[in-house]
PDB file of N, CA and C in Angstrom:
ATOM      1  N   MET A   1       5.311   3.767 -38.648  1.00  0.00           N
ATOM      2  CA  MET A   1       5.929   4.266 -37.642  1.00  0.00           C
ATOM      3  C   MET A   1       6.493   5.749 -37.566  1.00  0.00           C
ATOM      4  N   CYS A   2       7.046   5.845 -39.397  1.00  0.00           N
ATOM      5  CA  CYS A   2       7.249   6.880 -39.670  1.00  0.00           C
ATOM      6  C   CYS A   2       6.441   8.238 -39.747  1.00  0.00           C
ATOM      7  N   GLU A   3       5.723   8.032 -40.233  1.00  0.00           N
ATOM      8  CA  GLU A   3       4.502   8.620 -40.017  1.00  0.00           C
ATOM      9  C   GLU A   3       4.210   9.548 -39.463  1.00  0.00           C
ATOM     10  N   GLU A   4       3.896   8.433 -37.971  1.00  0.00           N
ATOM     11  CA  GLU A   4       3.416   8.544 -36.372  1.00  0.00           C
ATOM     12  C   GLU A   4       4.975   9.700 -36.166  1.00  0.00           C
ATOM     13  N   ILE A   5       5.641   9.312 -36.296  1.00  0.00           N
ATOM     14  CA  ILE A   5       6.693   9.713 -35.985  1.00  0.00           C
ATOM     15  C   ILE A   5       7.039  11.587 -36.800  1.00  0.00           C
ATOM     16  N   ALA A   6       6.948  11.437 -37.749  1.00  0.00           N
ATOM     17  CA  ALA A   6       7.148  12.556 -38.248  1.00  0.00           C
ATOM     18  C   ALA A   6       5.557  13.058 -38.870  1.00  0.00           C
ATOM     19  N   GLY A   7       5.115  12.811 -38.330  1.00  0.00           N
ATOM     20  CA  GLY A   7       3.213  13.517 -38.692  1.00  0.00           C
ATOM     21  C   GLY A   7       3.746  14.327 -39.928  1.00  0.00           C
ATOM     22  N   LYS A   8       3.668  13.191 -41.278  1.00  0.00           N
ATOM     23  CA  LYS A   8       3.863  13.373 -42.649  1.00  0.00           C
ATOM     24  C   LYS A   8       3.763  12.131 -43.028  1.00  0.00           C
ATOM     25  N   LYS A   9       3.037  12.656 -44.013  1.00  0.00           N
ATOM     26  CA  LYS A   9       2.150  11.369 -45.258  1.00  0.00           C
ATOM     27  C   LYS A   9       3.416  10.955 -45.934  1.00  0.00           C
ATOM     28  N   VAL A  10       3.592   9.601 -46.322  1.00  0.00           N
ATOM     29  CA  VAL A  10       4.258   8.781 -46.771  1.00  0.00           C
ATOM     30  C   VAL A  10       4.385   8.368 -47.835  1.00  0.00           C
ATOM     31  N   ASN A  11       4.608   8.271 -49.406  1.00  0.00           N
ATOM     32  CA  ASN A  11       4.013   7.849 -50.439  1.00  0.00           C
ATOM     33  C   ASN A  11       4.929   6.619 -50.428  1.00  0.00           C
ATOM     34  N   ILE A  12       4.072   5.632 -50.423  1.00  0.00           N
ATOM     35  CA  ILE A  12       4.205   4.579 -50.128  1.00  0.00           C
ATOM     36  C   ILE A  12       3.897   3.261 -51.281  1.00  0.00           C
ATOM     37  N   ALA A  13       4.452   2.734 -52.464  1.00  0.00           N
ATOM     38  CA  ALA A  13       3.868   1.828 -53.637  1.00  0.00           C
ATOM     39  C   ALA A  13       4.146   0.427 -53.235  1.00  0.00           C
ATOM     40  N   PHE A  14       3.421   0.113 -53.303  1.00  0.00           N
ATOM     41  CA  PHE A  14       3.329  -1.890 -53.159  1.00  0.00           C
ATOM     42  C   PHE A  14       3.021  -2.140 -54.433  1.00  0.00           C
ATOM     43  N   ASN A  15       4.018  -3.455 -54.196  1.00  0.00           N
ATOM     44  CA  ASN A  15       3.965  -3.720 -55.263  1.00  0.00           C
ATOM     45  C   ASN A  15       3.515  -5.554 -55.537  1.00  0.00           C
ATOM     46  N   ASP A  16       3.373  -6.689 -56.098  1.00  0.00           N
ATOM     47  CA  ASP A  16       2.613  -7.469 -56.344  1.00  0.00           C
ATOM     48  C   ASP A  16       4.217  -8.721 -56.233  1.00  0.00           C
ATOM     49  N   CYS A  17       4.164  -9.192 -54.660  1.00  0.00           N
ATOM     50  CA  CYS A  17       5.983 -10.021 -54.849  1.00  0.00           C
ATOM     51  C   CYS A  17       5.881 -11.262 -55.695  1.00  0.00           C
ATOM     52  N   THR A  18       4.952 -11.755 -55.552  1.00  0.00           N
ATOM     53  CA  THR A  18       4.105 -13.233 -56.776  1.00  0.00           C
ATOM     54  C   THR A  18       5.109 -12.650 -57.998  1.00  0.00           C
ATOM     55  N   LYS A  19       4.611 -11.460 -58.438  1.00  0.00           N
ATOM     56  CA  LYS A  19       4.967 -11.701 -60.318  1.00  0.00           C
ATOM     57  C   LYS A  19       6.686 -11.590 -60.030  1.00  0.00           C
ATOM     58  N   ASN A  20       7.894 -11.920 -59.348  1.00  0.00           N
ATOM     59  CA  ASN A  20       8.941 -11.982 -60.110  1.00  0.00           C
ATOM     60  C   ASN A  20       9.221 -13.550 -59.306  1.00  0.00           C
ATOM     61  N   GLY A  21       8.366 -14.203 -58.392  1.00  0.00           N
ATOM     62  CA  GLY A  21       8.426 -15.655 -57.835  1.00  0.00           C
ATOM     63  C   GLY A  21       8.596 -15.571 -56.645  1.00  0.00           C
ATOM     64  N   ASN A  22       8.930 -14.307 -55.969  1.00  0.00           N
ATOM     65  CA  ASN A  22       9.218 -14.195 -54.838  1.00  0.00           C
ATOM     66  C   ASN A  22       7.538 -14.520 -54.061  1.00  0.00           C
ATOM     67  N   HIS A  23       7.658 -15.769 -53.515  1.00  0.00           N
ATOM     68  CA  HIS A  23       6.080 -15.716 -52.806  1.00  0.00           C
ATOM     69  C   HIS A  23       5.466 -15.678 -51.510  1.00  0.00           C
ATOM     70  N   SER A  24       6.874 -15.923 -50.798  1.00  0.00           N
ATOM     71  CA  SER A  24       7.051 -15.259 -49.142  1.00  0.00           C
ATOM     72  C   SER A  24       8.667 -14.665 -49.039  1.00  0.00           C
ATOM     73  N   PHE A  25       9.100 -13.493 -47.977  1.00  0.00           N
ATOM     74  CA  PHE A  25       9.703 -12.302 -47.673  1.00  0.00           C
ATOM     75  C   PHE A  25       9.407 -12.428 -46.429  1.00  0.00           C
ATOM     76  N   PHE A  26      10.681 -12.538 -45.530  1.00  0.00           N
ATOM     77  CA  PHE A  26      10.643 -11.889 -44.373  1.00  0.00           C
ATOM     78  C   PHE A  26      11.745 -11.269 -44.007  1.00  0.00           C
ATOM     79  N   ILE A  27      12.743 -10.577 -42.808  1.00  0.00           N
ATOM     80  CA  ILE A  27      13.184 -10.139 -42.340  1.00  0.00           C
ATOM     81  C   ILE A  27      13.142 -10.542 -40.681  1.00  0.00           C
ATOM     82  N   SER A  28      14.746 -10.742 -40.217  1.00  0.00           N
ATOM     83  CA  SER A  28      14.957 -11.329 -39.083  1.00  0.00           C
ATOM     84  C   SER A  28      15.840 -11.511 -38.865  1.00  0.00           C
ATOM     85  N   SER A  29      16.429 -11.018 -37.314  1.00  0.00           N
ATOM     86  CA  SER A  29      16.847 -10.556 -36.782  1.00  0.00           C
ATOM     87  C   SER A  29      17.923 -11.272 -36.026  1.00  0.00           C
ATOM     88  N   LYS A  30      17.402 -12.913 -36.229  1.00  0.00           N
ATOM     89  CA  LYS A  30      17.787 -13.970 -35.034  1.00  0.00           C
ATOM     90  C   LYS A  30      19.482 -14.241 -35.528  1.00  0.00           C
ATOM     91  N   LYS A  31      19.838 -13.991 -36.099  1.00  0.00           N
ATOM     92  CA  LYS A  31      20.579 -14.768 -36.793  1.00  0.00           C
ATOM     93  C   LYS A  31      22.128 -13.713 -36.417  1.00  0.00           C
ATOM     94  N   ILE A  32      21.163 -12.344 -36.150  1.00  0.00           N
ATOM     95  CA  ILE A  32      22.835 -12.333 -35.537  1.00  0.00           C
ATOM     96  C   ILE A  32      22.857 -12.245 -33.943  1.00  0.00           C
ATOM     97  N   TYR A  33      21.883 -12.238 -33.760  1.00  0.00           N
ATOM     98  CA  TYR A  33      21.280 -12.397 -32.168  1.00  0.00           C
ATOM     99  C   TYR A  33      22.362 -13.836 -31.661  1.00  0.00           C
ATOM    100  N   THR A  34      22.168 -14.726 -32.260  1.00  0.00           N
ATOM    101  CA  THR A  34      22.558 -15.995 -32.104  1.00  0.00           C
ATOM    102  C   THR A  34      24.390 -16.025 -32.744  1.00  0.00           C
ATOM    103  N   GLN A  35      24.596 -15.568 -33.745  1.00  0.00           N
ATOM    104  CA  GLN A  35      25.869 -16.247 -34.191  1.00  0.00           C
ATOM    105  C   GLN A  35      27.275 -15.006 -33.675  1.00  0.00           C
ATOM    106  N   LEU A  36      26.502 -13.115 -33.297  1.00  0.00           N
ATOM    107  CA  LEU A  36      26.903 -12.758 -33.138  1.00  0.00           C
ATOM    108  C   LEU A  36      26.953 -11.853 -31.511  1.00  0.00           C
ATOM    109  N   GLY A  37      25.610 -13.049 -30.546  1.00  0.00           N
ATOM    110  CA  GLY A  37      25.066 -11.865 -29.656  1.00  0.00           C
ATOM    111  C   GLY A  37      24.201 -10.602 -29.459  1.00  0.00           C
ATOM    112  N   TRP A  38      24.384 -10.081 -30.893  1.00  0.00           N
ATOM    113  CA  TRP A  38      24.848  -8.605 -30.749  1.00  0.00           C
ATOM    114  C   TRP A  38      23.030  -8.279 -30.262  1.00  0.00           C
ATOM    115  N   LYS A  39      22.536  -7.300 -29.271  1.00  0.00           N
ATOM    116  CA  LYS A  39      21.526  -6.725 -29.385  1.00  0.00           C
ATOM    117  C   LYS A  39      20.982  -5.188 -29.312  1.00  0.00           C
ATOM    118  N   PRO A  40      19.992  -4.876 -30.077  1.00  0.00           N
ATOM    119  CA  PRO A  40      20.081  -3.632 -30.534  1.00  0.00           C
ATOM    120  C   PRO A  40      19.885  -2.849 -28.670  1.00  0.00           C
ATOM    121  N   MET A  41      20.432  -1.737 -29.132  1.00  0.00           N
ATOM    122  CA  MET A  41      21.077  -0.371 -27.627  1.00  0.00           C
ATOM    123  C   MET A  41      18.976  -0.110 -27.649  1.00  0.00           C
ATOM    124  N   TYR A  42      18.561   0.329 -28.304  1.00  0.00           N
ATOM    125  CA  TYR A  42      17.426   1.175 -28.980  1.00  0.00           C
ATOM    126  C   TYR A  42      15.746   0.151 -29.576  1.00  0.00           C
ATOM    127  N   SER A  43      14.551   0.250 -28.927  1.00  0.00           N
ATOM    128  CA  SER A  43      13.602   0.362 -30.158  1.00  0.00           C
ATOM    129  C   SER A  43      13.221   0.745 -31.340  1.00  0.00           C
ATOM    130  N   ILE A  44      12.716  -0.111 -32.258  1.00  0.00           N
ATOM    131  CA  ILE A  44      12.813   0.531 -33.190  1.00  0.00           C
ATOM    132  C   ILE A  44      12.018   2.264 -33.292  1.00  0.00           C
ATOM    133  N   ASP A  45      10.746   2.558 -32.051  1.00  0.00           N
ATOM    134  CA  ASP A  45      10.474   3.208 -32.694  1.00  0.00           C
ATOM    135  C   ASP A  45      11.796   4.987 -31.875  1.00  0.00           C
ATOM    136  N   GLU A  46      11.984   4.210 -30.945  1.00  0.00           N
ATOM    137  CA  GLU A  46      13.245   5.104 -30.966  1.00  0.00           C
ATOM    138  C   GLU A  46      14.351   5.662 -31.824  1.00  0.00           C
ATOM    139  N   ALA A  47      14.622   4.287 -32.401  1.00  0.00           N
ATOM    140  CA  ALA A  47      15.874   4.558 -33.502  1.00  0.00           C
ATOM    141  C   ALA A  47      15.323   5.514 -34.856  1.00  0.00           C
ATOM    142  N   ILE A  48      13.734   5.029 -34.792  1.00  0.00           N
ATOM    143  CA  ILE A  48      13.552   6.362 -36.038  1.00  0.00           C
ATOM    144  C   ILE A  48      13.337   7.290 -35.403  1.00  0.00           C
ATOM    145  N   HIS A  49      12.549   7.512 -34.554  1.00  0.00           N
ATOM    146  CA  HIS A  49      12.432   8.623 -33.653  1.00  0.00           C
ATOM    147  C   HIS A  49      13.730  10.063 -33.606  1.00  0.00           C
ATOM    148  N   SER A  50      15.413   9.461 -33.276  1.00  0.00           N
ATOM    149  CA  SER A  50      15.976   9.749 -33.463  1.00  0.00           C
ATOM    150  C   SER A  50      16.586  10.393 -34.987  1.00  0.00           C
ATOM    151  N   ALA A  51      16.469   9.853 -34.987  1.00  0.00           N
ATOM    152  CA  ALA A  51      16.981   9.683 -37.345  1.00  0.00           C
ATOM    153  C   ALA A  51      16.349  10.959 -37.751  1.00  0.00           C
ATOM    154  N   TRP A  52      14.985  10.417 -37.519  1.00  0.00           N
ATOM    155  CA  TRP A  52      14.255  12.085 -37.416  1.00  0.00           C
ATOM    156  C   TRP A  52      14.150  13.439 -36.776  1.00  0.00           C
ATOM    157  N   LYS A  53      14.203  13.299 -35.406  1.00  0.00           N
ATOM    158  CA  LYS A  53      15.061  14.704 -35.277  1.00  0.00           C
ATOM    159  C   LYS A  53      16.620  15.174 -35.842  1.00  0.00           C
ATOM    160  N   TRP A  54      17.157  14.469 -35.807  1.00  0.00           N
ATOM    161  CA  TRP A  54      18.176  14.282 -36.370  1.00  0.00           C
ATOM    162  C   TRP A  54      18.891  15.181 -37.601  1.00  0.00           C
ATOM    163  N   HIS A  55      17.511  14.526 -38.677  1.00  0.00           N
ATOM    164  CA  HIS A  55      17.634  14.738 -40.054  1.00  0.00           C
ATOM    165  C   HIS A  55      17.222  16.323 -40.214  1.00  0.00           C
ATOM    166  N   SER A  56      15.871  16.314 -38.778  1.00  0.00           N
ATOM    167  CA  SER A  56      14.918  17.710 -39.007  1.00  0.00           C
ATOM    168  C   SER A  56      15.706  18.613 -38.651  1.00  0.00           C
ATOM    169  N   ASN A  57      16.542  18.895 -37.807  1.00  0.00           N
ATOM    170  CA  ASN A  57      17.499  19.792 -37.635  1.00  0.00           C
ATOM    171  C   ASN A  57      18.593  19.584 -37.956  1.00  0.00           C
ATOM    172  N   HIS A  58      19.225  18.887 -38.752  1.00  0.00           N
ATOM    173  CA  HIS A  58      20.096  19.010 -39.833  1.00  0.00           C
ATOM    174  C   HIS A  58      20.149  18.763 -41.697  1.00  0.00           C
ATOM    175  N   PRO A  59      18.812  19.735 -41.884  1.00  0.00           N
ATOM    176  CA  PRO A  59      18.567  19.042 -43.633  1.00  0.00           C
ATOM    177  C   PRO A  59      19.195  19.666 -44.660  1.00  0.00           C
ATOM    178  N   ASN A  60      20.662  19.472 -44.066  1.00  0.00           N
ATOM    179  CA  ASN A  60      21.600  19.855 -45.194  1.00  0.00           C
ATOM    180  C   ASN A  60      22.751  18.139 -44.945  1.00  0.00           C
ATOM    181  N   GLY A  61      22.604  17.945 -43.963  1.00  0.00           N
ATOM    182  CA  GLY A  61      23.266  16.796 -43.276  1.00  0.00           C
ATOM    183  C   GLY A  61      24.346  17.826 -42.226  1.00  0.00           C
ATOM    184  N   TYR A  62      25.466  17.023 -42.341  1.00  0.00           N
ATOM    185  CA  TYR A  62      26.792  18.376 -41.275  1.00  0.00           C
ATOM    186  C   TYR A  62      27.008  18.722 -42.075  1.00  0.00           C
ATOM    187  N   GLY A  63      27.017  19.483 -43.132  1.00  0.00           N
ATOM    188  CA  GLY A  63      27.617  20.769 -44.379  1.00  0.00           C
ATOM    189  C   GLY A  63      29.000  20.361 -44.194  1.00  0.00           C
ATOM    190  N   ASN A  64      29.809  20.853 -44.521  1.00  0.00           N
ATOM    191  CA  ASN A  64      30.978  21.306 -44.979  1.00  0.00           C
ATOM    192  C   ASN A  64      31.821  21.238 -43.980  1.00  0.00           C
TER     193      ASN A  64
END
């Protein structure tokens, strides 16, 4: 998604997670929903697009 939004190729290195004993790994937001009732305001696509736009317009961050 980042490559699509930025229009640039991202250098990604994939590692074999089974070498360090992690045979399965996943990320879930279920706990934050069930315990805190939190729901995102934006989709992941919208969040990435907004972040890319901001960083493109502010390459040095907020500055001094």
